[in-house]
Amino acid sequence: MSPSKPLFSQAKPLIGVLQLLPLPGAPNWQGALADVVARAEQEAAALVTGGMDGLIIENTFDHPQNPDRLDAAGAVVMGLIAKRIQGFATTPIGINVLRNDPMTALAVATSVGADFIRVPLLTGAAIAESGIIQGQFRQLAEYRNQLQCHNIQIWADVSQSRVTPLLGSVRRTLYELALEAWEVGGAHGIIITDPHVALEDIATISQSLPVPVLAEFSGDLVDAAHWLAVSDGLITADPLKKSFATPPHTQPTIDLAKVESLRAMADELRQVGV
């Protein structure tokens, strides 16, 4: 696959994950749609105001997560929230449906005109707490053609520590997984989600592939510069919260000062051309 047109005009973009409260159809749905939408809007506004270059909307707090398809009611609400956010945010927006439902993510993205989807497992198969999950790259390619939404990019998670291979399969290197996601799965971007990855490995993968290689950052903000320096951008959620391990509740959790601090750090790196 040849590289696609870049989604971000800014070098080394910062992407904030908008973690939604439980959605309709989830076992832990609380029945208060207005609260879900209001918190999502408030947190998105804080992320954009603070300087994030993009957003990923994700059904983080649906528990237990369905290993197959998201309930239709939840998909509708994800689309509603995305559309509301597009009313005040001009940054690229992505959709991620957990545990691993790229078809629904693509349907939602198409319906609202989002820019990309994030796929937790694009190729291969693995064991998760919800059961066996399988990559659906072929079905996704067919569905993308069926919907004629070729402008929507596919960004694939790649990890060794967060994926348990099926019995008898060989554990491959992070580079091999990233190469497969791009070469076989057709990914337009790679997201390294392994929190224990060596920084030099991220740099090697970024330099070796013709597509952007972003790192998901979950540590202390003082270390973020090191991760951004070796990658093509950062995706983050918890480090931007008022409390690092904030439980899901209706009040917004994004700390605007932390977002601004991360943006200031990124601007410094961009100015020196790192």
Foldseek 3Di string as FASTA:
>chain_A
DAADDDQFPDWFFEEEEQAFAAFPPFPPDPPDLVLRLVQSLVQLVLLVVLPGQEYEYEPHHRPPAALEDDPPRRLVSSLVSVLVNVVPDPHAYEYEYPPFYVLSRVVSCLVRVGQEYEGAEQAAWFADPNGIHHHDLVVNVVSCVVSVVVRYFYEYEFEQPRGHHDPPDDRDDSLVRVCCCCVVSVHNEYEYEYAPDDLVVQLVSCVPDNHFYEYEDLDALVCVLSNSLRGRYYYYYQNQFPHSDDDDDSHHTGDSVSSNVSNVSVVVCVVVPD
